[in-house]
């Protein structure tokens, strides 16, 4: 029981959801870059802003329910984010409307794809760093060392 309370306390559930989303989105973005020259290929992406709004709603619901200090995050499914029965997350991406439609019906913009990939990589790295720091704090508290 104590371990479950520690795992669902503070920012760890929020960071866990961010990490899941960033990992799934990274897979999408690399797939888009790999298939950039494929005829009739349309890149797919999930909106980080929509995910962040859903996460904000879940955090506000947790604050109202528990005071915000502990408890799982009940992330509401959006049109692009779907929860599985085991608590995992999967994305149902859509084709972004931005970009130029080329004669081969491929909607590509390499600079934008690389920018999205770099931004998503930074979110992933920041989230893992924050989770590592939370783990270090817990280890320090458990070992009772300064």
N, C-alpha and C. Protein backbone atom coordinates (compact mmCIF):
# COMPACT_ATOMS: atom_id res chain seq x y z
N UNK A 1 0.82 -1.20 0.00
CA UNK A 1 0.00 0.00 0.00
C UNK A 1 0.87 1.27 0.00
N UNK A 2 1.95 1.26 0.75
CA UNK A 2 2.82 2.43 0.83
C UNK A 2 3.45 2.75 -0.52
N UNK A 3 3.89 1.74 -1.25
CA UNK A 3 4.52 1.96 -2.56
C UNK A 3 3.51 2.56 -3.53
N UNK A 4 2.26 2.10 -3.51
CA UNK A 4 1.24 2.67 -4.39
C UNK A 4 0.97 4.12 -4.05
N UNK A 5 0.99 4.44 -2.76
CA UNK A 5 0.80 5.84 -2.36
C UNK A 5 1.95 6.71 -2.85
N UNK A 6 3.17 6.19 -2.78
CA UNK A 6 4.32 6.96 -3.26
C UNK A 6 4.28 7.14 -4.78
N UNK A 7 3.85 6.11 -5.49
CA UNK A 7 3.81 6.16 -6.95
C UNK A 7 2.72 7.09 -7.47
N UNK A 8 1.68 7.32 -6.68
CA UNK A 8 0.59 8.19 -7.13
C UNK A 8 0.60 9.53 -6.42
N UNK A 9 1.71 9.88 -5.80
CA UNK A 9 1.79 11.14 -5.07
C UNK A 9 2.47 12.21 -5.91
N UNK A 10 2.10 13.44 -5.65
CA UNK A 10 2.75 14.58 -6.28
C UNK A 10 2.62 14.59 -7.79
N UNK A 11 3.76 14.84 -8.44
CA UNK A 11 3.75 15.00 -9.89
C UNK A 11 4.04 13.71 -10.65
N UNK A 12 4.34 12.62 -9.97
CA UNK A 12 4.70 11.39 -10.68
C UNK A 12 3.63 10.89 -11.64
N UNK A 13 2.34 10.87 -11.29
CA UNK A 13 1.35 10.42 -12.28
C UNK A 13 1.28 11.32 -13.51
N UNK A 14 1.43 12.61 -13.31
CA UNK A 14 1.40 13.55 -14.44
C UNK A 14 2.61 13.34 -15.33
N UNK A 15 3.77 13.18 -14.72
CA UNK A 15 4.98 12.93 -15.50
C UNK A 15 4.89 11.61 -16.26
N UNK A 16 4.29 10.62 -15.64
CA UNK A 16 4.12 9.33 -16.30
C UNK A 16 3.25 9.45 -17.55
N UNK A 17 2.17 10.21 -17.46
CA UNK A 17 1.30 10.42 -18.63
C UNK A 17 2.02 11.21 -19.71
N UNK A 18 2.79 12.21 -19.31
CA UNK A 18 3.56 12.98 -20.29
C UNK A 18 4.57 12.10 -21.01
N UNK A 19 5.21 11.21 -20.26
CA UNK A 19 6.20 10.32 -20.85
C UNK A 19 5.56 9.36 -21.84
N UNK A 20 4.39 8.84 -21.50
CA UNK A 20 3.68 7.94 -22.43
C UNK A 20 3.32 8.67 -23.72
N UNK A 21 2.79 9.88 -23.59
CA UNK A 21 2.39 10.64 -24.77
C UNK A 21 3.60 10.97 -25.64
N UNK A 22 4.67 11.46 -25.01
CA UNK A 22 5.86 11.84 -25.78
C UNK A 22 6.47 10.64 -26.49
N UNK A 23 6.46 9.48 -25.85
CA UNK A 23 6.99 8.28 -26.48
C UNK A 23 6.17 7.84 -27.67
N UNK A 24 4.85 7.87 -27.53
CA UNK A 24 3.98 7.50 -28.65
C UNK A 24 4.11 8.51 -29.80
N UNK A 25 4.20 9.78 -29.45
CA UNK A 25 4.31 10.80 -30.50
C UNK A 25 5.66 10.73 -31.21
N UNK A 26 6.71 10.38 -30.48
CA UNK A 26 8.03 10.25 -31.10
C UNK A 26 8.00 9.16 -32.17
N UNK A 27 7.29 8.08 -31.88
CA UNK A 27 7.16 7.00 -32.86
C UNK A 27 6.45 7.51 -34.12
N UNK A 28 5.41 8.30 -33.95
CA UNK A 28 4.69 8.87 -35.10
C UNK A 28 5.58 9.78 -35.93
N UNK A 29 6.30 10.66 -35.25
CA UNK A 29 7.12 11.64 -35.95
C UNK A 29 8.25 10.98 -36.73
N UNK A 30 8.89 9.97 -36.15
CA UNK A 30 9.95 9.29 -36.88
C UNK A 30 9.39 8.51 -38.07
N UNK A 31 8.19 7.97 -37.92
CA UNK A 31 7.53 7.29 -39.05
C UNK A 31 7.25 8.27 -40.17
N UNK A 32 6.82 9.47 -39.83
CA UNK A 32 6.57 10.50 -40.84
C UNK A 32 7.84 10.86 -41.61
N UNK A 33 8.94 11.01 -40.88
CA UNK A 33 10.20 11.38 -41.53
C UNK A 33 10.70 10.24 -42.42
N UNK A 34 10.57 9.01 -41.95
CA UNK A 34 11.03 7.87 -42.73
C UNK A 34 10.25 7.70 -44.03
N UNK A 35 8.98 8.09 -44.04
CA UNK A 35 8.14 7.91 -45.22
C UNK A 35 7.90 9.21 -45.98
N UNK A 36 8.74 10.18 -45.78
CA UNK A 36 8.52 11.50 -46.36
C UNK A 36 8.46 11.47 -47.89
N UNK A 37 9.23 10.62 -48.53
CA UNK A 37 9.27 10.57 -50.00
C UNK A 37 8.34 9.52 -50.59
N UNK A 38 7.55 8.88 -49.78
CA UNK A 38 6.63 7.85 -50.27
C UNK A 38 5.43 8.52 -50.94
N UNK A 39 5.12 8.15 -52.17
CA UNK A 39 3.95 8.74 -52.84
C UNK A 39 2.66 8.42 -52.07
N UNK A 40 1.76 9.35 -52.06
CA UNK A 40 0.45 9.26 -51.40
C UNK A 40 0.55 9.14 -49.88
N UNK A 41 1.73 9.32 -49.31
CA UNK A 41 1.86 9.26 -47.85
C UNK A 41 1.44 10.59 -47.25
N UNK A 42 0.64 10.52 -46.23
CA UNK A 42 0.23 11.71 -45.50
C UNK A 42 0.72 11.57 -44.07
N UNK A 43 1.51 12.53 -43.60
CA UNK A 43 2.02 12.43 -42.24
C UNK A 43 0.89 12.50 -41.22
N UNK A 44 1.09 11.81 -40.10
CA UNK A 44 0.12 11.80 -39.02
C UNK A 44 0.74 12.42 -37.79
N UNK A 45 -0.07 13.08 -37.00
CA UNK A 45 0.43 13.67 -35.76
C UNK A 45 -0.71 13.79 -34.76
N UNK A 46 -0.35 13.78 -33.50
CA UNK A 46 -1.30 14.00 -32.41
C UNK A 46 -0.98 15.37 -31.82
N UNK A 47 -2.00 16.10 -31.51
CA UNK A 47 -1.84 17.47 -31.03
C UNK A 47 -1.37 17.50 -29.58
N UNK A 48 -0.17 18.06 -29.32
CA UNK A 48 0.27 18.20 -27.93
C UNK A 48 -0.64 19.14 -27.14
N UNK A 49 -1.18 20.16 -27.79
CA UNK A 49 -2.06 21.10 -27.09
C UNK A 49 -3.33 20.42 -26.61
N UNK A 50 -3.93 19.54 -27.43
CA UNK A 50 -5.12 18.81 -27.00
C UNK A 50 -4.80 17.88 -25.84
N UNK A 51 -3.64 17.21 -25.90
CA UNK A 51 -3.24 16.33 -24.81
C UNK A 51 -3.02 17.14 -23.53
N UNK A 52 -2.36 18.28 -23.65
CA UNK A 52 -2.10 19.11 -22.47
C UNK A 52 -3.40 19.63 -21.87
N UNK A 53 -4.39 19.96 -22.69
CA UNK A 53 -5.69 20.38 -22.16
C UNK A 53 -6.36 19.23 -21.41
N UNK A 54 -6.30 18.02 -21.96
CA UNK A 54 -6.89 16.86 -21.28
C UNK A 54 -6.15 16.57 -19.98
N UNK A 55 -4.84 16.72 -19.98
CA UNK A 55 -4.05 16.50 -18.77
C UNK A 55 -4.35 17.57 -17.72
N UNK A 56 -4.52 18.81 -18.15
CA UNK A 56 -4.87 19.88 -17.22
C UNK A 56 -6.22 19.61 -16.57
N UNK A 57 -7.18 19.15 -17.36
CA UNK A 57 -8.49 18.81 -16.82
C UNK A 57 -8.39 17.69 -15.80
N UNK A 58 -7.56 16.68 -16.09
CA UNK A 58 -7.39 15.56 -15.16
C UNK A 58 -6.72 16.01 -13.87
N UNK A 59 -5.74 16.90 -13.96
CA UNK A 59 -5.06 17.41 -12.77
C UNK A 59 -6.02 18.24 -11.93
N UNK A 60 -6.83 19.08 -12.57
CA UNK A 60 -7.81 19.88 -11.83
C UNK A 60 -8.84 18.99 -11.15
N UNK A 61 -9.24 17.90 -11.81
CA UNK A 61 -10.19 16.96 -11.19
C UNK A 61 -9.55 16.27 -10.00
N UNK A 62 -8.26 15.92 -10.09
CA UNK A 62 -7.58 15.31 -8.96
C UNK A 62 -7.46 16.28 -7.80
N UNK A 63 -7.17 17.54 -8.11
CA UNK A 63 -7.10 18.56 -7.04
C UNK A 63 -8.44 18.72 -6.34
N UNK A 64 -9.52 18.72 -7.10
CA UNK A 64 -10.85 18.85 -6.50
C UNK A 64 -11.19 17.62 -5.67
N UNK A 65 -10.76 16.46 -6.12
CA UNK A 65 -11.10 15.20 -5.44
C UNK A 65 -10.24 14.96 -4.20
N UNK A 66 -8.93 15.23 -4.27
CA UNK A 66 -8.03 14.85 -3.18
C UNK A 66 -7.23 16.01 -2.60
N UNK A 67 -7.41 17.18 -3.08
CA UNK A 67 -6.59 18.29 -2.64
C UNK A 67 -5.30 18.43 -3.44
N UNK A 68 -5.08 17.53 -4.39
CA UNK A 68 -3.96 17.64 -5.31
C UNK A 68 -2.68 17.00 -4.86
N UNK A 69 -2.64 16.40 -3.68
CA UNK A 69 -1.39 15.86 -3.18
C UNK A 69 -1.15 14.41 -3.58
N UNK A 70 -2.21 13.67 -3.82
CA UNK A 70 -2.04 12.26 -4.14
C UNK A 70 -3.22 11.80 -4.98
N UNK A 71 -3.07 10.64 -5.55
CA UNK A 71 -4.15 10.08 -6.35
C UNK A 71 -3.76 9.93 -7.80
N UNK A 72 -4.38 8.97 -8.43
CA UNK A 72 -4.12 8.71 -9.85
C UNK A 72 -4.71 9.82 -10.71
N UNK A 73 -4.19 9.93 -11.90
CA UNK A 73 -4.69 10.88 -12.89
C UNK A 73 -5.66 10.12 -13.78
N UNK A 74 -6.90 10.56 -13.81
CA UNK A 74 -7.90 9.95 -14.69
C UNK A 74 -7.98 10.77 -15.97
N UNK A 75 -7.11 10.44 -16.89
CA UNK A 75 -7.03 11.18 -18.14
C UNK A 75 -8.23 10.84 -19.01
N UNK A 76 -8.95 11.86 -19.41
CA UNK A 76 -10.12 11.69 -20.25
C UNK A 76 -9.66 11.45 -21.68
N UNK A 77 -10.27 10.51 -22.35
CA UNK A 77 -9.91 10.24 -23.73
C UNK A 77 -10.33 11.41 -24.62
N UNK A 78 -9.47 11.72 -25.55
CA UNK A 78 -9.78 12.74 -26.54
C UNK A 78 -9.94 12.04 -27.88
N UNK A 79 -10.09 12.80 -28.93
CA UNK A 79 -10.20 12.19 -30.25
C UNK A 79 -8.92 11.51 -30.69
N UNK A 80 -7.79 11.89 -30.09
CA UNK A 80 -6.50 11.34 -30.49
C UNK A 80 -5.86 10.44 -29.44
N UNK A 81 -6.22 10.61 -28.17
CA UNK A 81 -5.64 9.83 -27.08
C UNK A 81 -6.67 8.82 -26.59
N UNK A 82 -6.29 7.55 -26.60
CA UNK A 82 -7.18 6.47 -26.20
C UNK A 82 -6.51 5.67 -25.09
N UNK A 83 -7.26 5.38 -24.03
CA UNK A 83 -6.74 4.58 -22.92
C UNK A 83 -7.07 3.11 -23.15
N UNK A 84 -6.14 2.25 -22.83
CA UNK A 84 -6.39 0.81 -22.93
C UNK A 84 -6.80 0.28 -21.56
N UNK A 85 -7.29 -0.95 -21.51
CA UNK A 85 -7.79 -1.52 -20.27
C UNK A 85 -6.67 -1.73 -19.25
N UNK A 86 -5.42 -1.90 -19.70
CA UNK A 86 -4.32 -2.10 -18.78
C UNK A 86 -3.69 -0.79 -18.30
N UNK A 87 -4.29 0.34 -18.63
CA UNK A 87 -3.79 1.64 -18.18
C UNK A 87 -2.84 2.29 -19.16
N UNK A 88 -2.54 1.64 -20.28
CA UNK A 88 -1.65 2.20 -21.28
C UNK A 88 -2.34 3.26 -22.11
N UNK A 89 -1.59 3.82 -23.01
CA UNK A 89 -2.09 4.88 -23.86
C UNK A 89 -1.75 4.56 -25.31
N UNK A 90 -2.66 4.84 -26.20
CA UNK A 90 -2.36 4.76 -27.62
C UNK A 90 -2.92 5.99 -28.31
N UNK A 91 -2.37 6.30 -29.44
CA UNK A 91 -2.77 7.51 -30.16
C UNK A 91 -3.51 7.12 -31.43
N UNK A 92 -4.53 7.91 -31.74
CA UNK A 92 -5.23 7.82 -33.02
C UNK A 92 -4.97 9.14 -33.72
N UNK A 93 -3.83 9.24 -34.39
CA UNK A 93 -3.42 10.52 -34.97
C UNK A 93 -4.26 10.92 -36.17
N UNK A 94 -4.20 12.20 -36.45
CA UNK A 94 -4.89 12.76 -37.62
C UNK A 94 -3.85 13.39 -38.53
N UNK A 95 -4.24 13.62 -39.75
CA UNK A 95 -3.36 14.28 -40.71
C UNK A 95 -3.39 15.78 -40.46
N UNK A 96 -2.24 16.38 -40.17
CA UNK A 96 -2.23 17.83 -39.98
C UNK A 96 -2.54 18.53 -41.30
N UNK A 97 -3.23 19.64 -41.22
CA UNK A 97 -3.65 20.34 -42.43
C UNK A 97 -2.58 21.31 -42.94
N UNK A 98 -1.58 21.58 -42.14
CA UNK A 98 -0.55 22.53 -42.56
C UNK A 98 0.40 21.87 -43.56
N UNK A 99 1.08 22.67 -44.32
CA UNK A 99 2.05 22.16 -45.27
C UNK A 99 1.56 22.31 -46.70
N UNK A 100 2.41 21.93 -47.61
CA UNK A 100 2.13 22.05 -49.03
C UNK A 100 1.76 20.68 -49.57
N UNK A 101 0.70 20.62 -50.35
CA UNK A 101 0.32 19.37 -50.98
C UNK A 101 1.03 19.30 -52.33
N UNK A 102 1.95 18.35 -52.45
CA UNK A 102 2.75 18.21 -53.65
C UNK A 102 1.98 17.43 -54.72
N UNK A 103 2.52 17.36 -55.92
CA UNK A 103 1.85 16.70 -57.04
C UNK A 103 1.63 15.20 -56.78
N UNK A 104 2.44 14.58 -55.93
CA UNK A 104 2.26 13.16 -55.61
C UNK A 104 1.32 12.97 -54.41
N UNK A 105 0.58 14.03 -54.06
CA UNK A 105 -0.39 14.04 -52.97
C UNK A 105 0.26 13.80 -51.62
N UNK A 106 1.52 14.12 -51.50
CA UNK A 106 2.24 13.98 -50.25
C UNK A 106 2.29 15.35 -49.60
N UNK A 107 1.87 15.43 -48.38
CA UNK A 107 1.85 16.68 -47.63
C UNK A 107 3.09 16.68 -46.72
N UNK A 108 4.19 17.26 -47.19
CA UNK A 108 5.43 17.16 -46.43
C UNK A 108 6.07 18.53 -46.22
N UNK A 109 6.72 18.64 -45.10
CA UNK A 109 7.47 19.84 -44.76
C UNK A 109 8.59 19.39 -43.82
N UNK A 110 9.78 19.16 -44.36
CA UNK A 110 10.87 18.58 -43.60
C UNK A 110 11.26 19.45 -42.41
N UNK A 111 11.30 20.76 -42.60
CA UNK A 111 11.69 21.64 -41.51
C UNK A 111 10.71 21.53 -40.34
N UNK A 112 9.42 21.50 -40.66
CA UNK A 112 8.41 21.39 -39.60
C UNK A 112 8.48 20.02 -38.91
N UNK A 113 8.70 18.97 -39.70
CA UNK A 113 8.83 17.63 -39.12
C UNK A 113 10.01 17.56 -38.16
N UNK A 114 11.14 18.12 -38.57
CA UNK A 114 12.33 18.09 -37.72
C UNK A 114 12.14 18.96 -36.48
N UNK A 115 11.44 20.08 -36.62
CA UNK A 115 11.15 20.92 -35.46
C UNK A 115 10.26 20.17 -34.47
N UNK A 116 9.22 19.51 -34.96
CA UNK A 116 8.34 18.73 -34.09
C UNK A 116 9.11 17.61 -33.39
N UNK A 117 10.01 16.96 -34.13
CA UNK A 117 10.80 15.88 -33.56
C UNK A 117 11.72 16.41 -32.45
N UNK A 118 12.36 17.55 -32.68
CA UNK A 118 13.25 18.13 -31.67
C UNK A 118 12.48 18.59 -30.44
N UNK A 119 11.33 19.24 -30.65
CA UNK A 119 10.52 19.69 -29.51
C UNK A 119 10.02 18.51 -28.69
N UNK A 120 9.56 17.48 -29.36
CA UNK A 120 9.06 16.31 -28.65
C UNK A 120 10.20 15.60 -27.91
N UNK A 121 11.37 15.57 -28.50
CA UNK A 121 12.53 14.99 -27.83
C UNK A 121 12.88 15.75 -26.57
N UNK A 122 12.78 17.08 -26.62
CA UNK A 122 13.05 17.89 -25.43
C UNK A 122 12.03 17.64 -24.33
N UNK A 123 10.76 17.49 -24.71
CA UNK A 123 9.72 17.19 -23.72
C UNK A 123 10.00 15.84 -23.07
N UNK A 124 10.37 14.86 -23.88
CA UNK A 124 10.68 13.53 -23.36
C UNK A 124 11.87 13.58 -22.39
N UNK A 125 12.92 14.27 -22.80
CA UNK A 125 14.12 14.38 -21.96
C UNK A 125 13.83 15.12 -20.66
N UNK A 126 13.08 16.22 -20.73
CA UNK A 126 12.74 16.97 -19.53
C UNK A 126 11.90 16.13 -18.58
N UNK A 127 10.95 15.38 -19.13
CA UNK A 127 10.09 14.55 -18.30
C UNK A 127 10.89 13.45 -17.61
N UNK A 128 11.79 12.81 -18.34
CA UNK A 128 12.60 11.76 -17.71
C UNK A 128 13.53 12.34 -16.65
N UNK A 129 14.06 13.54 -16.88
CA UNK A 129 14.91 14.19 -15.87
C UNK A 129 14.11 14.49 -14.60
N UNK A 130 12.90 15.00 -14.76
CA UNK A 130 12.07 15.28 -13.59
C UNK A 130 11.69 14.00 -12.84
N UNK A 131 11.39 12.94 -13.58
CA UNK A 131 11.07 11.67 -12.93
C UNK A 131 12.30 11.11 -12.19
N UNK A 132 13.47 11.25 -12.79
CA UNK A 132 14.69 10.79 -12.14
C UNK A 132 14.93 11.56 -10.84
N UNK A 133 14.70 12.84 -10.86
CA UNK A 133 14.90 13.65 -9.64
C UNK A 133 13.91 13.25 -8.56
N UNK A 134 12.67 12.96 -8.95
CA UNK A 134 11.68 12.49 -7.97
C UNK A 134 12.14 11.16 -7.37
N UNK A 135 12.66 10.26 -8.21
CA UNK A 135 13.17 8.99 -7.72
C UNK A 135 14.36 9.17 -6.78
N UNK A 136 15.25 10.09 -7.13
CA UNK A 136 16.40 10.37 -6.25
C UNK A 136 15.94 10.89 -4.90
N UNK A 137 14.93 11.77 -4.91
CA UNK A 137 14.38 12.27 -3.64
C UNK A 137 13.81 11.15 -2.80
N UNK A 138 13.07 10.25 -3.43
CA UNK A 138 12.50 9.12 -2.71
C UNK A 138 13.59 8.21 -2.15
N UNK A 139 14.62 7.93 -2.95
CA UNK A 139 15.72 7.09 -2.47
C UNK A 139 16.43 7.74 -1.29
N UNK A 140 16.64 9.04 -1.35
CA UNK A 140 17.29 9.75 -0.26
C UNK A 140 16.44 9.69 1.00
N UNK A 141 15.13 9.88 0.84
CA UNK A 141 14.24 9.83 2.00
C UNK A 141 14.19 8.43 2.60
N UNK A 142 14.18 7.41 1.77
CA UNK A 142 14.10 6.04 2.27
C UNK A 142 15.41 5.64 2.96
N UNK A 143 16.53 6.06 2.38
CA UNK A 143 17.82 5.70 2.98
C UNK A 143 18.16 6.56 4.18
N UNK A 144 17.45 7.61 4.40
CA UNK A 144 17.64 8.56 5.51
C UNK A 144 19.03 9.16 5.52
N UNK A 145 19.52 9.45 4.34
CA UNK A 145 20.81 10.12 4.18
C UNK A 145 20.61 11.46 3.51
N UNK A 146 21.52 12.36 3.79
CA UNK A 146 21.44 13.68 3.19
C UNK A 146 22.42 13.78 2.06
